[in-house]
Each structure stands twice: as C-alpha cells, then as structure tokens.
Amino acid sequence: MDYLQLIDKYYPEGPLREIYLTHCRQVADKALAIAHAKSLPLTDDEIIEAAMLHDIGIVMTDAVGIHCYGTAPYIAHGVEGAKIIREAGLGEKYARIAERHTGAGITAADVACQHLPLPEGEYCPQTLLERLICYADKFFSKTKLTQEKPLDRIVASLKKFDFTDSDGAVARFMELHRQFGQE
C-alpha cells in the first residue's frame, strides 16, 4: 500500500477529505520550499509522503469542527496516525513523524504533568524530516485553510502548552524556527 491508497482508505469523498488534503498539501509545499531554500539533504518524495501522512490519525478523533467523528481526543491524533501507518506497513519513519509532530513535540514530562491522554512516552521530533514536518505544520490550521499563520500567532497558540519547564513548547518551536525559518 502506498500513502495515497492509505489516504483513500481513511478519507473517502467528503468535507474531511478536502480539509485533510488541503492541509497536508500546504504542509508539503512549505516543507519543500524550506528544504530547497536551505539545501536540506532530503528528497522531495520523502518530504511529500511525510507531509501527506503526518495527520492521517485525525479521522480517529472527536473533532466535529473538522468533520472527525472518532472517539480519541484530538491530541492523540499523532499516536493514532502512527498506529494506522504501522498497520499499513508504510514504515517506522512515517509512523514516528505522525507520532512526533503534535505541538512542537510533547515531552514525557508534558504527558505526566498535564495528564495528557497519551501513552507514557516522549513525542518530540528527532530526525531532520520529523523536525521539518513538525515546523511546517505549525503554519497551517485545518479550520482556516486559506491562511498561513504568522509567527506571532503560532507562538501565542503554543504558550498555552508551556506548563512544565523552560524547554516548553515555545522554546522547542523557536529552536525549530532557528533551524528552518526563512525570515
């Protein structure tokens, strides 16, 4: 099974498919632009596949505002997506991207301190591809598909997740911005 077949399996025709494909294409385009501008040692194909699969798990969540009628809490969409990718045999590389792209990464301390509905573990992007997709994803919302978010709005939205320490969501995002920012 390739990534398009997996998308077709979980996202049949309808509003959720349109939201999903639009968002993932935006992330892919942003990630490709950054990779080309920064001469990153990644192929276009792996960037596109990673971007198109990073949110595959949203279909399993309860997020009616974007036409998701599953039972998992939205914050678990990365973990749910990793399960889908692993079951489809599309590789651990893409499963880890799905698992680690939420927020600016989620630490084990975040999971414990905030009592997040996730399995115990560390969900921060590690590889170059994981970090790139995590960064590019922050610029696009599934509820306002026509707009790229400005940096200040991204930072403001991440502040609500800074509970545990100085290496919180904002600090992790700013590290990604130092690596990938194009300003």
N, C-alpha and C. Protein backbone atom coordinates (compact mmCIF):
# COMPACT_ATOMS: atom_id res chain seq x y z
N MET A 1 0.85 -1.18 0.00
CA MET A 1 0.00 0.00 0.00
C MET A 1 0.89 1.25 0.00
N ASP A 2 0.55 2.23 -0.84
CA ASP A 2 1.30 3.48 -0.80
C ASP A 2 0.49 4.53 -0.03
N TYR A 3 1.08 5.70 0.17
CA TYR A 3 0.43 6.69 1.02
C TYR A 3 -0.89 7.18 0.45
N LEU A 4 -1.03 7.25 -0.88
CA LEU A 4 -2.29 7.69 -1.47
C LEU A 4 -3.40 6.66 -1.24
N GLN A 5 -3.05 5.39 -1.32
CA GLN A 5 -4.04 4.34 -1.04
C GLN A 5 -4.51 4.41 0.42
N LEU A 6 -3.58 4.70 1.31
CA LEU A 6 -3.94 4.80 2.72
C LEU A 6 -4.87 6.00 2.95
N ILE A 7 -4.56 7.12 2.33
CA ILE A 7 -5.44 8.29 2.43
C ILE A 7 -6.82 7.96 1.88
N ASP A 8 -6.86 7.31 0.72
CA ASP A 8 -8.15 6.94 0.13
C ASP A 8 -8.95 6.02 1.05
N LYS A 9 -8.27 5.13 1.75
CA LYS A 9 -8.94 4.18 2.65
C LYS A 9 -9.61 4.91 3.81
N TYR A 10 -8.95 5.89 4.39
CA TYR A 10 -9.46 6.56 5.59
C TYR A 10 -10.20 7.86 5.30
N TYR A 11 -10.00 8.41 4.12
CA TYR A 11 -10.61 9.71 3.79
C TYR A 11 -11.35 9.62 2.45
N PRO A 12 -12.55 9.02 2.47
CA PRO A 12 -13.35 8.97 1.24
C PRO A 12 -13.86 10.37 0.90
N GLU A 13 -14.49 10.48 -0.23
CA GLU A 13 -15.03 11.78 -0.66
C GLU A 13 -15.84 12.43 0.45
N GLY A 14 -15.71 13.73 0.57
CA GLY A 14 -16.47 14.47 1.56
C GLY A 14 -15.65 15.60 2.14
N PRO A 15 -16.24 16.35 3.07
CA PRO A 15 -15.56 17.54 3.59
C PRO A 15 -14.27 17.23 4.35
N LEU A 16 -14.22 16.12 5.09
CA LEU A 16 -13.00 15.80 5.82
C LEU A 16 -11.84 15.53 4.85
N ARG A 17 -12.12 14.83 3.76
CA ARG A 17 -11.07 14.56 2.77
C ARG A 17 -10.51 15.88 2.22
N GLU A 18 -11.39 16.81 1.91
CA GLU A 18 -10.95 18.09 1.37
C GLU A 18 -10.09 18.86 2.38
N ILE A 19 -10.54 18.88 3.62
CA ILE A 19 -9.76 19.53 4.69
C ILE A 19 -8.40 18.86 4.82
N TYR A 20 -8.42 17.53 4.88
CA TYR A 20 -7.18 16.77 5.06
C TYR A 20 -6.19 17.03 3.92
N LEU A 21 -6.65 16.87 2.70
CA LEU A 21 -5.76 17.03 1.56
C LEU A 21 -5.24 18.46 1.43
N THR A 22 -6.09 19.44 1.66
CA THR A 22 -5.66 20.83 1.57
C THR A 22 -4.59 21.12 2.61
N HIS A 23 -4.84 20.73 3.85
CA HIS A 23 -3.87 20.97 4.93
C HIS A 23 -2.54 20.27 4.63
N CYS A 24 -2.60 19.02 4.27
CA CYS A 24 -1.36 18.27 4.03
C CYS A 24 -0.58 18.82 2.85
N ARG A 25 -1.27 19.26 1.81
CA ARG A 25 -0.58 19.88 0.67
C ARG A 25 0.09 21.18 1.08
N GLN A 26 -0.57 21.96 1.95
CA GLN A 26 0.05 23.20 2.43
C GLN A 26 1.33 22.89 3.20
N VAL A 27 1.27 21.90 4.06
CA VAL A 27 2.45 21.50 4.83
C VAL A 27 3.55 21.00 3.88
N ALA A 28 3.18 20.20 2.89
CA ALA A 28 4.16 19.69 1.93
C ALA A 28 4.82 20.84 1.17
N ASP A 29 4.03 21.78 0.69
CA ASP A 29 4.58 22.91 -0.07
C ASP A 29 5.53 23.74 0.78
N LYS A 30 5.15 24.01 2.03
CA LYS A 30 6.01 24.79 2.94
C LYS A 30 7.30 24.03 3.22
N ALA A 31 7.19 22.75 3.51
CA ALA A 31 8.37 21.93 3.81
C ALA A 31 9.29 21.83 2.60
N LEU A 32 8.73 21.67 1.42
CA LEU A 32 9.55 21.63 0.20
C LEU A 32 10.27 22.96 -0.03
N ALA A 33 9.57 24.06 0.16
CA ALA A 33 10.19 25.38 -0.03
C ALA A 33 11.35 25.57 0.94
N ILE A 34 11.16 25.18 2.19
CA ILE A 34 12.23 25.29 3.18
C ILE A 34 13.40 24.39 2.81
N ALA A 35 13.09 23.15 2.46
CA ALA A 35 14.16 22.19 2.11
C ALA A 35 14.98 22.68 0.93
N HIS A 36 14.32 23.24 -0.07
CA HIS A 36 15.05 23.75 -1.23
C HIS A 36 15.87 24.99 -0.86
N ALA A 37 15.27 25.91 -0.11
CA ALA A 37 15.97 27.14 0.28
C ALA A 37 17.18 26.86 1.16
N LYS A 38 17.06 25.86 2.01
CA LYS A 38 18.13 25.53 2.96
C LYS A 38 19.03 24.40 2.46
N SER A 39 18.77 23.90 1.25
CA SER A 39 19.54 22.78 0.69
C SER A 39 19.62 21.60 1.66
N LEU A 40 18.48 21.23 2.21
CA LEU A 40 18.45 20.12 3.16
C LEU A 40 18.63 18.79 2.42
N PRO A 41 19.33 17.85 3.03
CA PRO A 41 19.59 16.55 2.40
C PRO A 41 18.39 15.60 2.51
N LEU A 42 17.26 16.04 1.94
CA LEU A 42 16.04 15.25 1.93
C LEU A 42 15.50 15.23 0.52
N THR A 43 14.86 14.14 0.12
CA THR A 43 14.28 14.08 -1.21
C THR A 43 12.89 14.69 -1.21
N ASP A 44 12.48 15.20 -2.34
CA ASP A 44 11.12 15.73 -2.47
C ASP A 44 10.09 14.65 -2.16
N ASP A 45 10.33 13.44 -2.64
CA ASP A 45 9.37 12.35 -2.41
C ASP A 45 9.16 12.06 -0.93
N GLU A 46 10.25 11.99 -0.15
CA GLU A 46 10.08 11.68 1.27
C GLU A 46 9.41 12.84 2.01
N ILE A 47 9.68 14.06 1.61
CA ILE A 47 9.02 15.21 2.23
C ILE A 47 7.52 15.18 1.92
N ILE A 48 7.17 14.93 0.67
CA ILE A 48 5.76 14.88 0.29
C ILE A 48 5.04 13.75 1.02
N GLU A 49 5.62 12.56 1.03
CA GLU A 49 5.00 11.42 1.71
C GLU A 49 4.82 11.71 3.20
N ALA A 50 5.85 12.28 3.83
CA ALA A 50 5.76 12.60 5.26
C ALA A 50 4.66 13.63 5.52
N ALA A 51 4.61 14.66 4.71
CA ALA A 51 3.59 15.71 4.89
C ALA A 51 2.19 15.16 4.66
N MET A 52 2.04 14.31 3.67
CA MET A 52 0.72 13.78 3.35
C MET A 52 0.23 12.77 4.39
N LEU A 53 1.14 12.20 5.17
CA LEU A 53 0.76 11.21 6.18
C LEU A 53 0.77 11.73 7.62
N HIS A 54 1.35 12.89 7.86
CA HIS A 54 1.57 13.31 9.24
C HIS A 54 0.29 13.39 10.07
N ASP A 55 -0.84 13.71 9.45
CA ASP A 55 -2.11 13.86 10.17
C ASP A 55 -3.11 12.75 9.88
N ILE A 56 -2.66 11.62 9.37
CA ILE A 56 -3.56 10.55 8.97
C ILE A 56 -4.48 10.11 10.12
N GLY A 57 -4.07 10.32 11.36
CA GLY A 57 -4.84 9.88 12.51
C GLY A 57 -5.98 10.79 12.94
N ILE A 58 -6.15 11.95 12.31
CA ILE A 58 -7.24 12.84 12.77
C ILE A 58 -8.60 12.19 12.59
N VAL A 59 -8.73 11.30 11.64
CA VAL A 59 -10.01 10.63 11.39
C VAL A 59 -10.47 9.82 12.61
N MET A 60 -9.56 9.45 13.46
CA MET A 60 -9.88 8.64 14.64
C MET A 60 -10.29 9.51 15.84
N THR A 61 -10.27 10.83 15.66
CA THR A 61 -10.53 11.73 16.79
C THR A 61 -11.93 12.31 16.78
N ASP A 62 -12.29 12.84 17.92
CA ASP A 62 -13.56 13.53 18.09
C ASP A 62 -13.30 15.02 17.91
N ALA A 63 -13.40 15.48 16.67
CA ALA A 63 -13.17 16.89 16.33
C ALA A 63 -14.21 17.29 15.30
N VAL A 64 -15.43 17.45 15.75
CA VAL A 64 -16.55 17.66 14.83
C VAL A 64 -16.40 18.93 14.00
N GLY A 65 -15.67 19.91 14.49
CA GLY A 65 -15.46 21.15 13.74
C GLY A 65 -14.74 20.93 12.42
N ILE A 66 -14.01 19.82 12.32
CA ILE A 66 -13.34 19.49 11.06
C ILE A 66 -13.85 18.14 10.51
N HIS A 67 -15.04 17.76 10.93
CA HIS A 67 -15.72 16.57 10.41
C HIS A 67 -15.05 15.25 10.80
N CYS A 68 -14.44 15.23 11.99
CA CYS A 68 -13.87 13.99 12.52
C CYS A 68 -14.80 13.48 13.60
N TYR A 69 -15.26 12.23 13.43
CA TYR A 69 -16.27 11.69 14.34
C TYR A 69 -15.80 10.42 15.02
N GLY A 70 -14.51 10.36 15.31
CA GLY A 70 -13.96 9.22 16.04
C GLY A 70 -14.15 9.40 17.53
N THR A 71 -13.43 8.63 18.31
CA THR A 71 -13.59 8.66 19.76
C THR A 71 -12.35 9.17 20.50
N ALA A 72 -11.20 9.19 19.86
CA ALA A 72 -9.97 9.61 20.54
C ALA A 72 -9.95 11.13 20.70
N PRO A 73 -9.31 11.62 21.76
CA PRO A 73 -9.14 13.07 21.87
C PRO A 73 -8.20 13.56 20.77
N TYR A 74 -8.39 14.79 20.33
CA TYR A 74 -7.62 15.30 19.19
C TYR A 74 -6.12 15.24 19.43
N ILE A 75 -5.67 15.47 20.66
CA ILE A 75 -4.23 15.47 20.94
C ILE A 75 -3.61 14.10 20.65
N ALA A 76 -4.43 13.07 20.59
CA ALA A 76 -3.93 11.72 20.32
C ALA A 76 -3.86 11.40 18.84
N HIS A 77 -4.12 12.37 17.96
CA HIS A 77 -4.13 12.05 16.52
C HIS A 77 -2.78 11.58 16.01
N GLY A 78 -1.70 12.04 16.62
CA GLY A 78 -0.38 11.58 16.20
C GLY A 78 -0.16 10.11 16.52
N VAL A 79 -0.52 9.72 17.73
CA VAL A 79 -0.39 8.33 18.16
C VAL A 79 -1.32 7.45 17.32
N GLU A 80 -2.53 7.92 17.10
CA GLU A 80 -3.49 7.16 16.27
C GLU A 80 -2.96 7.02 14.83
N GLY A 81 -2.39 8.09 14.31
CA GLY A 81 -1.83 8.04 12.96
C GLY A 81 -0.67 7.07 12.86
N ALA A 82 0.17 7.05 13.88
CA ALA A 82 1.31 6.11 13.89
C ALA A 82 0.80 4.67 13.84
N LYS A 83 -0.27 4.37 14.56
CA LYS A 83 -0.86 3.02 14.52
C LYS A 83 -1.32 2.68 13.10
N ILE A 84 -2.01 3.62 12.47
CA ILE A 84 -2.51 3.40 11.11
C ILE A 84 -1.35 3.13 10.15
N ILE A 85 -0.32 3.93 10.24
CA ILE A 85 0.84 3.80 9.35
C ILE A 85 1.56 2.48 9.58
N ARG A 86 1.74 2.11 10.83
CA ARG A 86 2.41 0.84 11.14
C ARG A 86 1.58 -0.34 10.63
N GLU A 87 0.27 -0.30 10.87
CA GLU A 87 -0.59 -1.40 10.41
C GLU A 87 -0.58 -1.52 8.89
N ALA A 88 -0.42 -0.40 8.18
CA ALA A 88 -0.38 -0.41 6.72
C ALA A 88 0.99 -0.81 6.19
N GLY A 89 1.99 -0.89 7.06
CA GLY A 89 3.33 -1.28 6.65
C GLY A 89 4.07 -0.19 5.89
N LEU A 90 3.76 1.07 6.16
CA LEU A 90 4.41 2.16 5.44
C LEU A 90 5.70 2.64 6.09
N GLY A 91 6.12 2.01 7.13
CA GLY A 91 7.44 2.29 7.67
C GLY A 91 7.44 3.09 8.95
N GLU A 92 8.42 2.76 9.76
CA GLU A 92 8.59 3.42 11.05
C GLU A 92 8.93 4.89 10.89
N LYS A 93 9.63 5.24 9.83
CA LYS A 93 9.99 6.65 9.59
C LYS A 93 8.74 7.52 9.57
N TYR A 94 7.71 7.10 8.85
CA TYR A 94 6.49 7.90 8.74
C TYR A 94 5.63 7.78 9.99
N ALA A 95 5.67 6.63 10.64
CA ALA A 95 4.92 6.47 11.89
C ALA A 95 5.46 7.44 12.95
N ARG A 96 6.78 7.55 13.03
CA ARG A 96 7.38 8.47 14.02
C ARG A 96 7.07 9.92 13.69
N ILE A 97 6.98 10.27 12.42
CA ILE A 97 6.62 11.65 12.05
C ILE A 97 5.21 11.95 12.55
N ALA A 98 4.28 11.03 12.31
CA ALA A 98 2.91 11.22 12.80
C ALA A 98 2.91 11.37 14.32
N GLU A 99 3.64 10.52 14.99
CA GLU A 99 3.67 10.49 16.45
C GLU A 99 4.30 11.73 17.06
N ARG A 100 5.26 12.33 16.38
CA ARG A 100 6.09 13.37 16.98
C ARG A 100 5.84 14.79 16.47
N HIS A 101 4.84 15.01 15.65
CA HIS A 101 4.67 16.35 15.06
C HIS A 101 3.73 17.25 15.84
N THR A 102 2.99 16.72 16.81
CA THR A 102 1.97 17.49 17.51
C THR A 102 2.60 18.59 18.36
N GLY A 103 2.00 19.78 18.32
CA GLY A 103 2.57 20.93 19.02
C GLY A 103 3.93 21.21 18.46
N ALA A 104 4.89 21.39 19.32
CA ALA A 104 6.29 21.49 18.90
C ALA A 104 7.01 20.28 19.49
N GLY A 105 6.26 19.19 19.57
CA GLY A 105 6.71 17.99 20.25
C GLY A 105 6.11 17.98 21.65
N ILE A 106 5.92 16.81 22.19
CA ILE A 106 5.36 16.64 23.53
C ILE A 106 6.33 15.78 24.32
N THR A 107 6.80 16.29 25.45
CA THR A 107 7.75 15.55 26.27
C THR A 107 7.02 14.59 27.20
N ALA A 108 7.77 13.63 27.73
CA ALA A 108 7.21 12.72 28.73
C ALA A 108 6.74 13.51 29.95
N ALA A 109 7.47 14.58 30.30
CA ALA A 109 7.05 15.44 31.42
C ALA A 109 5.73 16.13 31.11
N ASP A 110 5.55 16.56 29.86
CA ASP A 110 4.27 17.17 29.46
C ASP A 110 3.13 16.17 29.64
N VAL A 111 3.34 14.95 29.19
CA VAL A 111 2.31 13.91 29.28
C VAL A 111 1.93 13.70 30.74
N ALA A 112 2.93 13.58 31.61
CA ALA A 112 2.68 13.31 33.03
C ALA A 112 2.09 14.53 33.74
N CYS A 113 2.70 15.69 33.56
CA CYS A 113 2.28 16.90 34.28
C CYS A 113 0.88 17.36 33.87
N GLN A 114 0.58 17.25 32.58
CA GLN A 114 -0.70 17.73 32.09
C GLN A 114 -1.76 16.62 32.03
N HIS A 115 -1.36 15.40 32.44
CA HIS A 115 -2.27 14.25 32.40
C HIS A 115 -2.87 14.10 31.00
N LEU A 116 -1.99 14.17 30.01
CA LEU A 116 -2.46 14.07 28.62
C LEU A 116 -2.91 12.65 28.32
N PRO A 117 -3.93 12.51 27.51
CA PRO A 117 -4.45 11.17 27.18
C PRO A 117 -3.62 10.49 26.10
N LEU A 118 -2.34 10.28 26.45
CA LEU A 118 -1.38 9.64 25.55
C LEU A 118 -0.66 8.55 26.32
N PRO A 119 -0.18 7.52 25.61
CA PRO A 119 0.67 6.55 26.29
C PRO A 119 1.91 7.26 26.84
N GLU A 120 2.40 6.79 27.96
CA GLU A 120 3.61 7.35 28.53
C GLU A 120 4.71 7.33 27.46
N GLY A 121 5.41 8.43 27.32
CA GLY A 121 6.49 8.44 26.34
C GLY A 121 6.88 9.83 25.91
N GLU A 122 7.86 9.87 25.07
CA GLU A 122 8.44 11.10 24.52
C GLU A 122 7.98 11.23 23.08
N TYR A 123 7.41 12.38 22.74
CA TYR A 123 6.86 12.59 21.40
C TYR A 123 7.43 13.86 20.77
N CYS A 124 8.73 14.02 20.85
CA CYS A 124 9.39 15.18 20.27
C CYS A 124 10.11 14.77 18.99
N PRO A 125 10.05 15.61 17.95
CA PRO A 125 10.70 15.26 16.69
C PRO A 125 12.22 15.20 16.86
N GLN A 126 12.81 14.16 16.27
CA GLN A 126 14.25 13.94 16.41
C GLN A 126 15.00 14.11 15.09
N THR A 127 14.55 13.44 14.05
CA THR A 127 15.28 13.47 12.78
C THR A 127 15.02 14.78 12.04
N LEU A 128 15.83 15.04 11.04
CA LEU A 128 15.65 16.25 10.23
C LEU A 128 14.26 16.29 9.60
N LEU A 129 13.81 15.17 9.04
CA LEU A 129 12.50 15.13 8.41
C LEU A 129 11.38 15.32 9.44
N GLU A 130 11.48 14.69 10.59
CA GLU A 130 10.49 14.87 11.65
C GLU A 130 10.41 16.34 12.06
N ARG A 131 11.56 16.96 12.23
CA ARG A 131 11.61 18.36 12.67
C ARG A 131 11.04 19.29 11.59
N LEU A 132 11.37 19.02 10.34
CA LEU A 132 10.88 19.86 9.24
C LEU A 132 9.35 19.80 9.14
N ILE A 133 8.78 18.61 9.19
CA ILE A 133 7.33 18.47 9.08
C ILE A 133 6.64 19.09 10.29
N CYS A 134 7.18 18.89 11.47
CA CYS A 134 6.62 19.50 12.67
C CYS A 134 6.60 21.02 12.51
N TYR A 135 7.68 21.59 12.04
CA TYR A 135 7.77 23.05 11.87
C TYR A 135 6.78 23.55 10.82
N ALA A 136 6.79 22.95 9.65
CA ALA A 136 5.92 23.40 8.56
C ALA A 136 4.45 23.30 8.94
N ASP A 137 4.10 22.28 9.70
CA ASP A 137 2.72 22.04 10.11
C ASP A 137 2.18 23.18 10.97
N LYS A 138 3.02 23.82 11.74
CA LYS A 138 2.56 24.86 12.66
C LYS A 138 1.99 26.08 11.93
N PHE A 139 2.28 26.24 10.67
CA PHE A 139 1.86 27.42 9.92
C PHE A 139 0.46 27.28 9.32
N PHE A 140 -0.16 26.10 9.49
CA PHE A 140 -1.45 25.87 8.83
C PHE A 140 -2.46 25.24 9.78
N SER A 141 -3.66 25.76 9.73
CA SER A 141 -4.77 25.28 10.53
C SER A 141 -5.72 24.47 9.63
N LYS A 142 -6.42 23.56 10.23
CA LYS A 142 -7.44 22.82 9.47
C LYS A 142 -8.78 23.55 9.49
N THR A 143 -8.89 24.61 10.29
CA THR A 143 -10.14 25.36 10.35
C THR A 143 -10.10 26.64 9.52
N LYS A 144 -8.92 27.13 9.21
CA LYS A 144 -8.78 28.34 8.38
C LYS A 144 -7.81 28.00 7.25
N LEU A 145 -8.32 27.25 6.30
CA LEU A 145 -7.49 26.65 5.26
C LEU A 145 -6.86 27.65 4.30
N THR A 146 -7.37 28.85 4.20
CA THR A 146 -6.87 29.78 3.20
C THR A 146 -5.73 30.65 3.71
N GLN A 147 -5.38 30.54 4.99
CA GLN A 147 -4.39 31.45 5.56
C GLN A 147 -3.18 30.71 6.12
N GLU A 148 -2.01 31.29 5.91
CA GLU A 148 -0.82 30.82 6.62
C GLU A 148 -0.72 31.64 7.90
N LYS A 149 -0.50 30.96 9.02
CA LYS A 149 -0.42 31.66 10.31
C LYS A 149 0.88 32.45 10.40
N PRO A 150 0.83 33.66 10.94
CA PRO A 150 2.06 34.40 11.20
C PRO A 150 2.77 33.83 12.44
N LEU A 151 4.05 34.07 12.52
CA LEU A 151 4.88 33.54 13.59
C LEU A 151 4.33 33.90 14.98
N ASP A 152 3.90 35.14 15.17
CA ASP A 152 3.42 35.55 16.50
C ASP A 152 2.17 34.77 16.91
N ARG A 153 1.33 34.42 15.97
CA ARG A 153 0.13 33.64 16.30
C ARG A 153 0.48 32.20 16.66
N ILE A 154 1.49 31.65 16.00
CA ILE A 154 1.94 30.30 16.33
C ILE A 154 2.48 30.29 17.76
N VAL A 155 3.34 31.25 18.07
CA VAL A 155 3.93 31.32 19.41
C VAL A 155 2.83 31.49 20.47
N ALA A 156 1.87 32.37 20.22
CA ALA A 156 0.78 32.58 21.17
C ALA A 156 -0.02 31.30 21.39
N SER A 157 -0.27 30.54 20.33
CA SER A 157 -1.05 29.31 20.48
C SER A 157 -0.27 28.24 21.24
N LEU A 158 1.06 28.26 21.14
CA LEU A 158 1.87 27.26 21.85
C LEU A 158 2.05 27.60 23.33
N LYS A 159 1.91 28.87 23.69
CA LYS A 159 2.11 29.28 25.09
C LYS A 159 1.18 28.55 26.04
N LYS A 160 0.00 28.20 25.59
CA LYS A 160 -0.95 27.52 26.48
C LYS A 160 -0.49 26.11 26.85
N PHE A 161 0.54 25.61 26.19
CA PHE A 161 1.06 24.27 26.49
C PHE A 161 2.35 24.30 27.29
N ASP A 162 2.79 25.49 27.71
CA ASP A 162 4.02 25.61 28.49
C ASP A 162 3.72 25.53 29.97
N PHE A 163 3.76 24.31 30.51
CA PHE A 163 3.48 24.12 31.93
C PHE A 163 4.66 23.56 32.70
N THR A 164 5.54 22.83 32.03
CA THR A 164 6.48 22.01 32.78
C THR A 164 7.81 22.68 33.05
N ASP A 165 8.42 23.34 32.08
CA ASP A 165 9.76 23.88 32.30
C ASP A 165 10.10 24.90 31.21
N SER A 166 11.32 25.42 31.27
CA SER A 166 11.73 26.44 30.30
C SER A 166 11.96 25.85 28.91
N ASP A 167 12.03 24.56 28.80
CA ASP A 167 12.17 23.92 27.49
C ASP A 167 10.80 23.50 26.97
N GLY A 168 9.81 24.33 27.20
CA GLY A 168 8.45 24.03 26.82
C GLY A 168 8.21 24.17 25.33
N ALA A 169 6.93 24.17 24.98
CA ALA A 169 6.52 24.18 23.58
C ALA A 169 7.07 25.38 22.81
N VAL A 170 7.04 26.57 23.41
CA VAL A 170 7.53 27.76 22.71
C VAL A 170 9.03 27.65 22.46
N ALA A 171 9.78 27.24 23.46
CA ALA A 171 11.23 27.09 23.29
C ALA A 171 11.56 26.04 22.23
N ARG A 172 10.81 24.94 22.24
CA ARG A 172 11.05 23.91 21.22
C ARG A 172 10.72 24.44 19.82
N PHE A 173 9.63 25.18 19.71
CA PHE A 173 9.28 25.75 18.40
C PHE A 173 10.33 26.77 17.95
N MET A 174 10.80 27.61 18.85
CA MET A 174 11.79 28.62 18.46
C MET A 174 13.10 27.97 18.01
N GLU A 175 13.42 26.83 18.58
CA GLU A 175 14.59 26.08 18.12
C GLU A 175 14.37 25.60 16.67
N LEU A 176 13.17 25.11 16.39
CA LEU A 176 12.84 24.73 15.01
C LEU A 176 12.89 25.94 14.09
N HIS A 177 12.42 27.07 14.58
CA HIS A 177 12.42 28.30 13.78
C HIS A 177 13.85 28.75 13.46
N ARG A 178 14.75 28.63 14.43
CA ARG A 178 16.17 28.97 14.16
C ARG A 178 16.74 28.07 13.07
N GLN A 179 16.32 26.82 13.04
CA GLN A 179 16.83 25.88 12.06
C GLN A 179 16.18 26.08 10.68
N PHE A 180 14.88 26.33 10.65
CA PHE A 180 14.16 26.32 9.38
C PHE A 180 13.58 27.66 8.94
N GLY A 181 13.54 28.66 9.81
CA GLY A 181 12.93 29.94 9.49
C GLY A 181 13.58 30.59 8.28
N GLN A 182 12.77 31.30 7.51
CA GLN A 182 13.26 31.89 6.27
C GLN A 182 13.21 33.42 6.29
N GLU A 183 13.03 34.01 7.46
CA GLU A 183 12.94 35.47 7.52
C GLU A 183 14.30 36.10 7.49
